[in-house]
Amino acid sequence: MERAGLAGGVVIAVVLAVSPALAQPGVTPPSPPAAQTVTVGYAWQIALADLGVGAAALAVQRSDVLVALAFTGSAVHLGHGRPGAALGSALMRAGAPVIGVAIGALKCEPNGDDYDCFPYVLAGFGAGAIAALAVDYLVLARETITVHPAPVQPAVVVTPSSGTVGLRLAF
């Protein structure tokens, strides 16, 4: 019984929304909103994937699992249909730490048979990795999408002599 009442109420609301606008000359119901283009970010998805790899490395107590960090960003970019961003992410995540190591190695100075450059190399690796993640999260993990209005929206038409409340349907 409640369903029949609800369905009847919807039909009445639609008829009320359409009939006054059609019956009264000069009254035009508002047009439906147009589709909008917005830029959205999905860095949080990449960060979750990176955290998952880090947690897996801790769980199995193997640092070689961290190699997967070079590809987590790429996997998420591919999931968003962005192969160019995926390639850029993989190249940055693999290349920036290597470039950082090379820069750190420039600080190496011979000390007898040993070189005292490990702290510089490690700092270069870390700086390169952080820079790659920052660019991945803040620059590459953004996409422009089109948002379409809902097919059913509330509608209100007010004139000096009457008012109508109903639903606007888009087909």
N, C-alpha and C. Protein backbone atom coordinates (compact mmCIF):
# COMPACT_ATOMS: atom_id res chain seq x y z
N MET A 1 0.82 -1.19 0.00
CA MET A 1 0.00 0.00 0.00
C MET A 1 0.86 1.25 0.00
N GLU A 2 1.97 1.22 0.74
CA GLU A 2 2.85 2.39 0.79
C GLU A 2 3.51 2.63 -0.56
N ARG A 3 3.87 1.57 -1.26
CA ARG A 3 4.52 1.73 -2.56
C ARG A 3 3.57 2.39 -3.55
N ALA A 4 2.33 1.98 -3.55
CA ALA A 4 1.35 2.58 -4.46
C ALA A 4 1.18 4.06 -4.15
N GLY A 5 1.15 4.42 -2.88
CA GLY A 5 1.02 5.82 -2.50
C GLY A 5 2.24 6.62 -2.92
N LEU A 6 3.43 6.05 -2.77
CA LEU A 6 4.66 6.73 -3.16
C LEU A 6 4.71 6.90 -4.67
N ALA A 7 4.37 5.86 -5.41
CA ALA A 7 4.38 5.96 -6.87
C ALA A 7 3.36 6.98 -7.35
N GLY A 8 2.20 6.98 -6.75
CA GLY A 8 1.18 7.97 -7.12
C GLY A 8 1.64 9.38 -6.81
N GLY A 9 2.34 9.56 -5.69
CA GLY A 9 2.85 10.89 -5.33
C GLY A 9 3.90 11.37 -6.33
N VAL A 10 4.74 10.45 -6.80
CA VAL A 10 5.75 10.82 -7.78
C VAL A 10 5.08 11.22 -9.09
N VAL A 11 4.10 10.45 -9.53
CA VAL A 11 3.39 10.78 -10.77
C VAL A 11 2.71 12.14 -10.65
N ILE A 12 2.06 12.39 -9.52
CA ILE A 12 1.40 13.68 -9.32
C ILE A 12 2.43 14.81 -9.32
N ALA A 13 3.56 14.60 -8.67
CA ALA A 13 4.59 15.64 -8.63
C ALA A 13 5.13 15.93 -10.02
N VAL A 14 5.32 14.90 -10.85
CA VAL A 14 5.81 15.11 -12.21
C VAL A 14 4.76 15.84 -13.04
N VAL A 15 3.52 15.44 -12.92
CA VAL A 15 2.44 16.10 -13.67
C VAL A 15 2.33 17.56 -13.23
N LEU A 16 2.39 17.82 -11.94
CA LEU A 16 2.32 19.19 -11.45
C LEU A 16 3.50 20.01 -11.93
N ALA A 17 4.66 19.41 -12.02
CA ALA A 17 5.85 20.14 -12.45
C ALA A 17 5.78 20.50 -13.93
N VAL A 18 5.17 19.63 -14.73
CA VAL A 18 5.13 19.86 -16.17
C VAL A 18 3.91 20.66 -16.59
N SER A 19 2.73 20.36 -16.04
CA SER A 19 1.49 20.95 -16.54
C SER A 19 1.39 22.47 -16.39
N PRO A 20 1.76 23.10 -15.28
CA PRO A 20 1.62 24.56 -15.22
C PRO A 20 2.53 25.27 -16.22
N ALA A 21 3.72 24.74 -16.43
CA ALA A 21 4.63 25.38 -17.37
C ALA A 21 4.10 25.27 -18.79
N LEU A 22 3.42 24.18 -19.09
CA LEU A 22 2.86 24.01 -20.42
C LEU A 22 1.56 24.79 -20.56
N ALA A 23 0.80 24.92 -19.49
CA ALA A 23 -0.50 25.57 -19.56
C ALA A 23 -0.39 27.09 -19.54
N GLN A 24 0.62 27.65 -18.92
CA GLN A 24 0.73 29.10 -18.80
C GLN A 24 1.68 29.63 -19.87
N PRO A 25 1.17 30.48 -20.75
CA PRO A 25 2.05 31.03 -21.77
C PRO A 25 3.08 31.97 -21.12
N GLY A 26 4.31 31.94 -21.64
CA GLY A 26 5.34 32.83 -21.14
C GLY A 26 6.11 32.30 -19.95
N VAL A 27 5.68 31.18 -19.36
CA VAL A 27 6.39 30.62 -18.21
C VAL A 27 7.22 29.45 -18.70
N THR A 28 8.51 29.57 -18.52
CA THR A 28 9.43 28.52 -18.94
C THR A 28 10.11 27.94 -17.71
N PRO A 29 10.02 26.63 -17.54
CA PRO A 29 10.73 26.05 -16.39
C PRO A 29 12.24 26.23 -16.58
N PRO A 30 12.98 26.30 -15.48
CA PRO A 30 14.43 26.48 -15.61
C PRO A 30 15.07 25.31 -16.36
N SER A 31 16.07 25.64 -17.16
CA SER A 31 16.73 24.59 -17.93
C SER A 31 17.63 23.78 -17.01
N PRO A 32 17.82 22.51 -17.35
CA PRO A 32 18.68 21.67 -16.51
C PRO A 32 20.13 22.17 -16.58
N PRO A 33 20.88 21.97 -15.51
CA PRO A 33 22.27 22.43 -15.52
C PRO A 33 23.09 21.65 -16.55
N ALA A 34 24.05 22.33 -17.12
CA ALA A 34 24.92 21.70 -18.12
C ALA A 34 25.99 20.87 -17.41
N ALA A 35 26.59 19.99 -18.18
CA ALA A 35 27.70 19.19 -17.65
C ALA A 35 28.88 20.11 -17.33
N GLN A 36 29.62 19.79 -16.27
CA GLN A 36 30.75 20.60 -15.85
C GLN A 36 32.03 19.78 -15.94
N THR A 37 33.12 20.47 -16.24
CA THR A 37 34.42 19.83 -16.27
C THR A 37 35.17 20.23 -14.99
N VAL A 38 35.64 19.24 -14.25
CA VAL A 38 36.36 19.50 -13.00
C VAL A 38 37.65 18.70 -12.99
N THR A 39 38.63 19.21 -12.24
CA THR A 39 39.89 18.50 -12.04
C THR A 39 39.88 17.87 -10.66
N VAL A 40 40.15 16.59 -10.61
CA VAL A 40 40.16 15.86 -9.35
C VAL A 40 41.51 15.17 -9.17
N GLY A 41 41.86 14.95 -7.92
CA GLY A 41 43.11 14.27 -7.61
C GLY A 41 42.86 12.89 -7.04
N TYR A 42 43.77 12.00 -7.29
CA TYR A 42 43.67 10.64 -6.75
C TYR A 42 44.97 10.22 -6.08
N ALA A 43 45.69 11.20 -5.55
CA ALA A 43 46.96 10.90 -4.88
C ALA A 43 46.76 9.97 -3.69
N TRP A 44 45.60 10.08 -3.04
CA TRP A 44 45.34 9.22 -1.88
C TRP A 44 45.34 7.75 -2.28
N GLN A 45 44.93 7.44 -3.50
CA GLN A 45 44.94 6.04 -3.93
C GLN A 45 46.37 5.54 -4.12
N ILE A 46 47.22 6.40 -4.66
CA ILE A 46 48.63 6.03 -4.83
C ILE A 46 49.29 5.88 -3.46
N ALA A 47 48.98 6.79 -2.54
CA ALA A 47 49.56 6.72 -1.19
C ALA A 47 49.13 5.43 -0.49
N LEU A 48 47.87 5.02 -0.66
CA LEU A 48 47.42 3.76 -0.06
C LEU A 48 48.17 2.56 -0.66
N ALA A 49 48.37 2.59 -1.97
CA ALA A 49 49.13 1.50 -2.60
C ALA A 49 50.57 1.48 -2.09
N ASP A 50 51.18 2.66 -1.95
CA ASP A 50 52.55 2.73 -1.42
C ASP A 50 52.60 2.21 0.02
N LEU A 51 51.63 2.59 0.82
CA LEU A 51 51.59 2.10 2.20
C LEU A 51 51.39 0.58 2.25
N GLY A 52 50.61 0.06 1.32
CA GLY A 52 50.41 -1.39 1.25
C GLY A 52 51.70 -2.13 0.95
N VAL A 53 52.50 -1.58 0.04
CA VAL A 53 53.79 -2.20 -0.28
C VAL A 53 54.71 -2.12 0.93
N GLY A 54 54.72 -0.95 1.60
CA GLY A 54 55.55 -0.80 2.80
C GLY A 54 55.14 -1.77 3.89
N ALA A 55 53.84 -1.94 4.08
CA ALA A 55 53.35 -2.88 5.10
C ALA A 55 53.72 -4.32 4.73
N ALA A 56 53.64 -4.65 3.44
CA ALA A 56 54.01 -6.00 3.00
C ALA A 56 55.50 -6.25 3.24
N ALA A 57 56.33 -5.24 2.98
CA ALA A 57 57.77 -5.39 3.21
C ALA A 57 58.06 -5.62 4.69
N LEU A 58 57.33 -4.90 5.55
CA LEU A 58 57.51 -5.10 6.99
C LEU A 58 57.01 -6.47 7.42
N ALA A 59 55.88 -6.89 6.86
CA ALA A 59 55.28 -8.16 7.26
C ALA A 59 56.18 -9.35 6.91
N VAL A 60 56.77 -9.32 5.73
CA VAL A 60 57.61 -10.45 5.32
C VAL A 60 59.07 -10.22 5.68
N GLN A 61 59.36 -9.04 6.21
CA GLN A 61 60.71 -8.66 6.64
C GLN A 61 61.73 -8.85 5.53
N ARG A 62 61.37 -8.31 4.36
CA ARG A 62 62.28 -8.36 3.21
C ARG A 62 62.25 -7.00 2.54
N SER A 63 63.40 -6.38 2.46
CA SER A 63 63.46 -5.06 1.85
C SER A 63 63.34 -5.09 0.33
N ASP A 64 63.60 -6.23 -0.30
CA ASP A 64 63.50 -6.28 -1.75
C ASP A 64 62.06 -6.12 -2.24
N VAL A 65 61.10 -6.30 -1.35
CA VAL A 65 59.69 -6.08 -1.70
C VAL A 65 59.47 -4.60 -2.04
N LEU A 66 60.29 -3.73 -1.47
CA LEU A 66 60.14 -2.29 -1.70
C LEU A 66 60.39 -1.90 -3.16
N VAL A 67 60.97 -2.78 -3.95
CA VAL A 67 61.15 -2.51 -5.38
C VAL A 67 59.80 -2.26 -6.04
N ALA A 68 58.76 -2.87 -5.50
CA ALA A 68 57.41 -2.68 -6.05
C ALA A 68 56.96 -1.22 -5.95
N LEU A 69 57.58 -0.43 -5.08
CA LEU A 69 57.21 0.99 -4.99
C LEU A 69 57.43 1.71 -6.31
N ALA A 70 58.32 1.21 -7.13
CA ALA A 70 58.56 1.85 -8.43
C ALA A 70 57.35 1.71 -9.35
N PHE A 71 56.44 0.79 -9.04
CA PHE A 71 55.33 0.52 -9.95
C PHE A 71 53.94 0.74 -9.36
N THR A 72 53.83 1.05 -8.07
CA THR A 72 52.50 1.25 -7.50
C THR A 72 51.82 2.47 -8.11
N GLY A 73 52.55 3.56 -8.26
CA GLY A 73 51.96 4.75 -8.88
C GLY A 73 51.51 4.46 -10.30
N SER A 74 52.33 3.74 -11.03
CA SER A 74 51.99 3.40 -12.42
C SER A 74 50.72 2.57 -12.50
N ALA A 75 50.57 1.63 -11.58
CA ALA A 75 49.37 0.78 -11.58
C ALA A 75 48.12 1.62 -11.35
N VAL A 76 48.19 2.57 -10.44
CA VAL A 76 47.02 3.42 -10.16
C VAL A 76 46.74 4.33 -11.35
N HIS A 77 47.78 4.91 -11.96
CA HIS A 77 47.58 5.77 -13.13
C HIS A 77 46.94 4.96 -14.27
N LEU A 78 47.39 3.73 -14.47
CA LEU A 78 46.78 2.89 -15.51
C LEU A 78 45.32 2.60 -15.19
N GLY A 79 45.02 2.41 -13.91
CA GLY A 79 43.63 2.20 -13.51
C GLY A 79 42.74 3.39 -13.83
N HIS A 80 43.33 4.57 -13.93
CA HIS A 80 42.59 5.77 -14.30
C HIS A 80 42.66 6.04 -15.80
N GLY A 81 43.23 5.10 -16.56
CA GLY A 81 43.31 5.24 -18.01
C GLY A 81 44.30 6.30 -18.46
N ARG A 82 45.41 6.45 -17.74
CA ARG A 82 46.40 7.47 -18.05
C ARG A 82 47.78 6.83 -18.24
N PRO A 83 48.03 6.22 -19.40
CA PRO A 83 49.31 5.54 -19.61
C PRO A 83 50.51 6.48 -19.62
N GLY A 84 50.36 7.71 -20.07
CA GLY A 84 51.46 8.66 -20.05
C GLY A 84 51.90 8.97 -18.63
N ALA A 85 50.93 9.19 -17.74
CA ALA A 85 51.25 9.44 -16.33
C ALA A 85 51.87 8.19 -15.70
N ALA A 86 51.43 7.01 -16.12
CA ALA A 86 52.00 5.76 -15.59
C ALA A 86 53.47 5.64 -15.98
N LEU A 87 53.79 5.94 -17.22
CA LEU A 87 55.18 5.87 -17.66
C LEU A 87 56.03 6.91 -16.93
N GLY A 88 55.50 8.13 -16.82
CA GLY A 88 56.23 9.18 -16.10
C GLY A 88 56.47 8.81 -14.65
N SER A 89 55.48 8.21 -14.02
CA SER A 89 55.62 7.80 -12.63
C SER A 89 56.71 6.74 -12.47
N ALA A 90 56.70 5.73 -13.32
CA ALA A 90 57.71 4.66 -13.23
C ALA A 90 59.11 5.20 -13.48
N LEU A 91 59.26 6.07 -14.48
CA LEU A 91 60.57 6.64 -14.78
C LEU A 91 61.08 7.51 -13.63
N MET A 92 60.18 8.30 -13.05
CA MET A 92 60.60 9.15 -11.93
C MET A 92 60.93 8.33 -10.70
N ARG A 93 60.10 7.37 -10.39
CA ARG A 93 60.33 6.58 -9.17
C ARG A 93 61.60 5.74 -9.27
N ALA A 94 61.97 5.34 -10.47
CA ALA A 94 63.20 4.58 -10.63
C ALA A 94 64.40 5.50 -10.86
N GLY A 95 64.19 6.57 -11.60
CA GLY A 95 65.30 7.42 -11.99
C GLY A 95 65.73 8.46 -10.96
N ALA A 96 64.79 9.09 -10.28
CA ALA A 96 65.14 10.17 -9.34
C ALA A 96 66.05 9.67 -8.21
N PRO A 97 65.78 8.52 -7.60
CA PRO A 97 66.72 8.04 -6.57
C PRO A 97 68.11 7.74 -7.14
N VAL A 98 68.18 7.23 -8.37
CA VAL A 98 69.49 6.95 -8.98
C VAL A 98 70.25 8.26 -9.22
N ILE A 99 69.54 9.27 -9.70
CA ILE A 99 70.17 10.58 -9.89
C ILE A 99 70.63 11.14 -8.54
N GLY A 100 69.82 10.95 -7.50
CA GLY A 100 70.21 11.40 -6.17
C GLY A 100 71.46 10.70 -5.66
N VAL A 101 71.56 9.40 -5.92
CA VAL A 101 72.75 8.64 -5.53
C VAL A 101 73.97 9.19 -6.27
N ALA A 102 73.82 9.46 -7.57
CA ALA A 102 74.94 9.99 -8.36
C ALA A 102 75.39 11.35 -7.83
N ILE A 103 74.45 12.18 -7.46
CA ILE A 103 74.80 13.49 -6.90
C ILE A 103 75.50 13.31 -5.55
N GLY A 104 74.98 12.41 -4.73
CA GLY A 104 75.61 12.13 -3.45
C GLY A 104 77.01 11.59 -3.61
N ALA A 105 77.23 10.79 -4.64
CA ALA A 105 78.56 10.20 -4.88
C ALA A 105 79.58 11.25 -5.27
N LEU A 106 79.11 12.39 -5.75
CA LEU A 106 80.04 13.47 -6.10
C LEU A 106 80.77 14.00 -4.86
N LYS A 107 80.19 13.77 -3.70
CA LYS A 107 80.80 14.22 -2.45
C LYS A 107 81.81 13.22 -1.89
N CYS A 108 82.00 12.12 -2.59
CA CYS A 108 82.94 11.09 -2.10
C CYS A 108 84.37 11.62 -2.13
N GLU A 109 85.06 11.38 -1.06
CA GLU A 109 86.48 11.74 -0.99
C GLU A 109 87.25 10.52 -0.52
N PRO A 110 88.35 10.23 -1.19
CA PRO A 110 89.13 9.06 -0.77
C PRO A 110 89.68 9.24 0.65
N ASN A 111 89.57 8.19 1.42
CA ASN A 111 90.09 8.18 2.78
C ASN A 111 90.90 6.90 2.93
N GLY A 112 92.08 6.92 2.41
CA GLY A 112 92.89 5.70 2.42
C GLY A 112 92.32 4.72 1.40
N ASP A 113 91.97 3.52 1.85
CA ASP A 113 91.37 2.53 0.97
C ASP A 113 89.85 2.61 0.99
N ASP A 114 89.29 3.56 1.70
CA ASP A 114 87.85 3.64 1.91
C ASP A 114 87.34 4.99 1.39
N TYR A 115 86.09 5.05 1.12
CA TYR A 115 85.44 6.30 0.74
C TYR A 115 84.40 6.64 1.80
N ASP A 116 84.39 7.88 2.26
CA ASP A 116 83.41 8.31 3.27
C ASP A 116 82.23 9.00 2.60
N CYS A 117 81.53 8.28 1.78
CA CYS A 117 80.44 8.94 1.05
C CYS A 117 79.08 8.28 1.29
N PHE A 118 79.02 7.24 2.09
CA PHE A 118 77.73 6.57 2.29
C PHE A 118 76.64 7.52 2.77
N PRO A 119 76.90 8.42 3.74
CA PRO A 119 75.83 9.33 4.15
C PRO A 119 75.33 10.21 3.01
N TYR A 120 76.23 10.64 2.13
CA TYR A 120 75.82 11.48 1.00
C TYR A 120 75.02 10.70 -0.02
N VAL A 121 75.45 9.50 -0.27
CA VAL A 121 74.74 8.64 -1.21
C VAL A 121 73.35 8.31 -0.67
N LEU A 122 73.27 8.00 0.61
CA LEU A 122 71.97 7.70 1.22
C LEU A 122 71.06 8.92 1.20
N ALA A 123 71.61 10.08 1.51
CA ALA A 123 70.81 11.32 1.48
C ALA A 123 70.34 11.61 0.05
N GLY A 124 71.18 11.39 -0.93
CA GLY A 124 70.78 11.60 -2.32
C GLY A 124 69.67 10.66 -2.74
N PHE A 125 69.80 9.40 -2.33
CA PHE A 125 68.75 8.42 -2.64
C PHE A 125 67.42 8.86 -2.02
N GLY A 126 67.46 9.24 -0.74
CA GLY A 126 66.24 9.65 -0.05
C GLY A 126 65.62 10.90 -0.67
N ALA A 127 66.47 11.88 -1.00
CA ALA A 127 65.95 13.11 -1.61
C ALA A 127 65.32 12.82 -2.98
N GLY A 128 65.95 11.96 -3.76
CA GLY A 128 65.39 11.61 -5.06
C GLY A 128 64.07 10.87 -4.93
N ALA A 129 64.00 9.95 -3.98
CA ALA A 129 62.76 9.19 -3.78
C ALA A 129 61.63 10.11 -3.32
N ILE A 130 61.93 11.01 -2.38
CA ILE A 130 60.90 11.93 -1.88
C ILE A 130 60.45 12.88 -2.99
N ALA A 131 61.39 13.36 -3.80
CA ALA A 131 61.03 14.24 -4.91
C ALA A 131 60.13 13.51 -5.91
N ALA A 132 60.44 12.26 -6.21
CA ALA A 132 59.63 11.48 -7.16
C ALA A 132 58.22 11.27 -6.62
N LEU A 133 58.10 10.95 -5.33
CA LEU A 133 56.78 10.77 -4.74
C LEU A 133 55.99 12.07 -4.74
N ALA A 134 56.66 13.17 -4.42
CA ALA A 134 55.97 14.46 -4.39
C ALA A 134 55.42 14.82 -5.77
N VAL A 135 56.22 14.64 -6.81
CA VAL A 135 55.74 14.95 -8.16
C VAL A 135 54.61 14.00 -8.55
N ASP A 136 54.74 12.74 -8.19
CA ASP A 136 53.69 11.77 -8.50
C ASP A 136 52.37 12.14 -7.82
N TYR A 137 52.45 12.44 -6.52
CA TYR A 137 51.23 12.77 -5.76
C TYR A 137 50.63 14.11 -6.17
N LEU A 138 51.48 15.12 -6.34
CA LEU A 138 50.97 16.49 -6.49
C LEU A 138 50.76 16.93 -7.93
N VAL A 139 51.46 16.31 -8.88
CA VAL A 139 51.36 16.75 -10.26
C VAL A 139 50.68 15.69 -11.14
N LEU A 140 51.20 14.48 -11.12
CA LEU A 140 50.69 13.46 -12.04
C LEU A 140 49.33 12.89 -11.64
N ALA A 141 49.02 12.86 -10.35
CA ALA A 141 47.78 12.22 -9.88
C ALA A 141 46.60 13.19 -9.93
N ARG A 142 46.43 13.87 -11.05
CA ARG A 142 45.31 14.78 -11.25
C ARG A 142 44.74 14.51 -12.64
N GLU A 143 43.42 14.51 -12.72
CA GLU A 143 42.77 14.29 -14.02
C GLU A 143 41.54 15.17 -14.14
N THR A 144 41.20 15.51 -15.37
CA THR A 144 40.03 16.32 -15.64
C THR A 144 38.90 15.39 -16.07
N ILE A 145 37.77 15.51 -15.40
CA ILE A 145 36.61 14.67 -15.72
C ILE A 145 35.39 15.55 -15.98
N THR A 146 34.41 15.00 -16.66
CA THR A 146 33.15 15.69 -16.92
C THR A 146 32.09 15.13 -15.98
N VAL A 147 31.44 16.03 -15.26
CA VAL A 147 30.40 15.65 -14.32
C VAL A 147 29.06 16.02 -14.93
N HIS A 148 28.20 15.03 -15.11
CA HIS A 148 26.88 15.26 -15.69
C HIS A 148 25.86 15.42 -14.57
N PRO A 149 24.84 16.25 -14.78
CA PRO A 149 23.83 16.43 -13.74
C PRO A 149 23.02 15.14 -13.54
N ALA A 150 22.42 15.03 -12.38
CA ALA A 150 21.60 13.86 -12.07
C ALA A 150 20.40 13.83 -13.01
N PRO A 151 19.93 12.62 -13.40
CA PRO A 151 18.80 12.54 -14.33
C PRO A 151 17.48 12.99 -13.70
N VAL A 152 17.37 12.96 -12.39
CA VAL A 152 16.16 13.41 -11.70
C VAL A 152 16.58 14.49 -10.71
N GLN A 153 15.96 15.67 -10.85
CA GLN A 153 16.28 16.77 -9.96
C GLN A 153 15.00 17.44 -9.50
N PRO A 154 15.03 18.01 -8.30
CA PRO A 154 13.86 18.77 -7.87
C PRO A 154 13.69 20.01 -8.74
N ALA A 155 12.44 20.40 -8.98
CA ALA A 155 12.17 21.59 -9.80
C ALA A 155 11.14 22.45 -9.09
N VAL A 156 11.36 23.75 -9.12
CA VAL A 156 10.43 24.71 -8.53
C VAL A 156 10.20 25.81 -9.56
N VAL A 157 8.92 26.06 -9.90
CA VAL A 157 8.55 27.16 -10.80
C VAL A 157 7.61 28.05 -10.03
N VAL A 158 7.98 29.33 -9.88
CA VAL A 158 7.16 30.29 -9.14
C VAL A 158 6.81 31.43 -10.07
N THR A 159 5.53 31.73 -10.16
CA THR A 159 5.05 32.88 -10.92
C THR A 159 4.23 33.76 -9.98
N PRO A 160 3.87 34.96 -10.41
CA PRO A 160 3.06 35.81 -9.52
C PRO A 160 1.71 35.19 -9.16
N SER A 161 1.18 34.32 -10.02
CA SER A 161 -0.14 33.76 -9.74
C SER A 161 -0.12 32.32 -9.23
N SER A 162 1.02 31.63 -9.32
CA SER A 162 1.03 30.23 -8.88
C SER A 162 2.46 29.77 -8.59
N GLY A 163 2.55 28.60 -8.04
CA GLY A 163 3.84 27.98 -7.78
C GLY A 163 3.73 26.49 -8.00
N THR A 164 4.80 25.88 -8.46
CA THR A 164 4.80 24.46 -8.73
C THR A 164 6.08 23.84 -8.19
N VAL A 165 5.92 22.69 -7.55
CA VAL A 165 7.06 21.92 -7.08
C VAL A 165 6.94 20.54 -7.70
N GLY A 166 8.05 20.04 -8.21
CA GLY A 166 8.01 18.72 -8.82
C GLY A 166 9.40 18.19 -9.09
N LEU A 167 9.47 17.29 -10.05
CA LEU A 167 10.75 16.67 -10.41
C LEU A 167 11.03 16.98 -11.88
N ARG A 168 12.28 17.26 -12.17
CA ARG A 168 12.73 17.47 -13.54
C ARG A 168 13.44 16.19 -13.97
N LEU A 169 13.01 15.63 -15.09
CA LEU A 169 13.60 14.40 -15.59
C LEU A 169 14.42 14.70 -16.82
N ALA A 170 15.61 14.15 -16.90
CA ALA A 170 16.47 14.30 -18.07
C ALA A 170 16.58 12.96 -18.77
N PHE A 171 16.36 12.96 -20.06
CA PHE A 171 16.41 11.72 -20.84
C PHE A 171 17.56 11.77 -21.79
